C-alpha cells in the first residue's frame, strides 16, 4: 500500500480484543451485559476499507497504538461508567469507521489541523 501497488485493503480489526476485554471485565466486576433479548452479547465489528492514502495514519493509530484512547475504553467498564450497557457497545460498533477514529485522534490533538485538512475527511 505504501508504494502504491495496492490501492486499498480491509480487515485487521484491532479493536476486537479491547471490547472483548471490557465485556469480560464488566462480568468479573458483577456487571454482566446482555443483548436486548437478555442473551450473552455478540459484537460485530464492521468491515472497513483502508484507502492507501491513509496507510501511515492506520499504522500509527491501529498498528503502533490503538484506535481508542484509554479514556474512551474506560467508558465501557462499570468502574468508570456505572451506566454502561450493551447498547453503548452496539453504538460504538455502529460508529466505528476509519474516519471517525481519525477524527477522534484529531480532536485529541494527535493529528494536526494541517494533517487533518490534507485528508479531505469530514
Foldseek 3Di string as FASTA:
>chain_A
DQVPPDFKDKDPPQCVVLLVVQQVQQVVVVNHAAPPVRHHDDDDADIAIGGNVCVVVCCVDVVVHHLDDPVRSVCCHCVNPVPHHVVVRNVCRVQDYPLSSVVVCVVVVNADPVRVVVVPGD
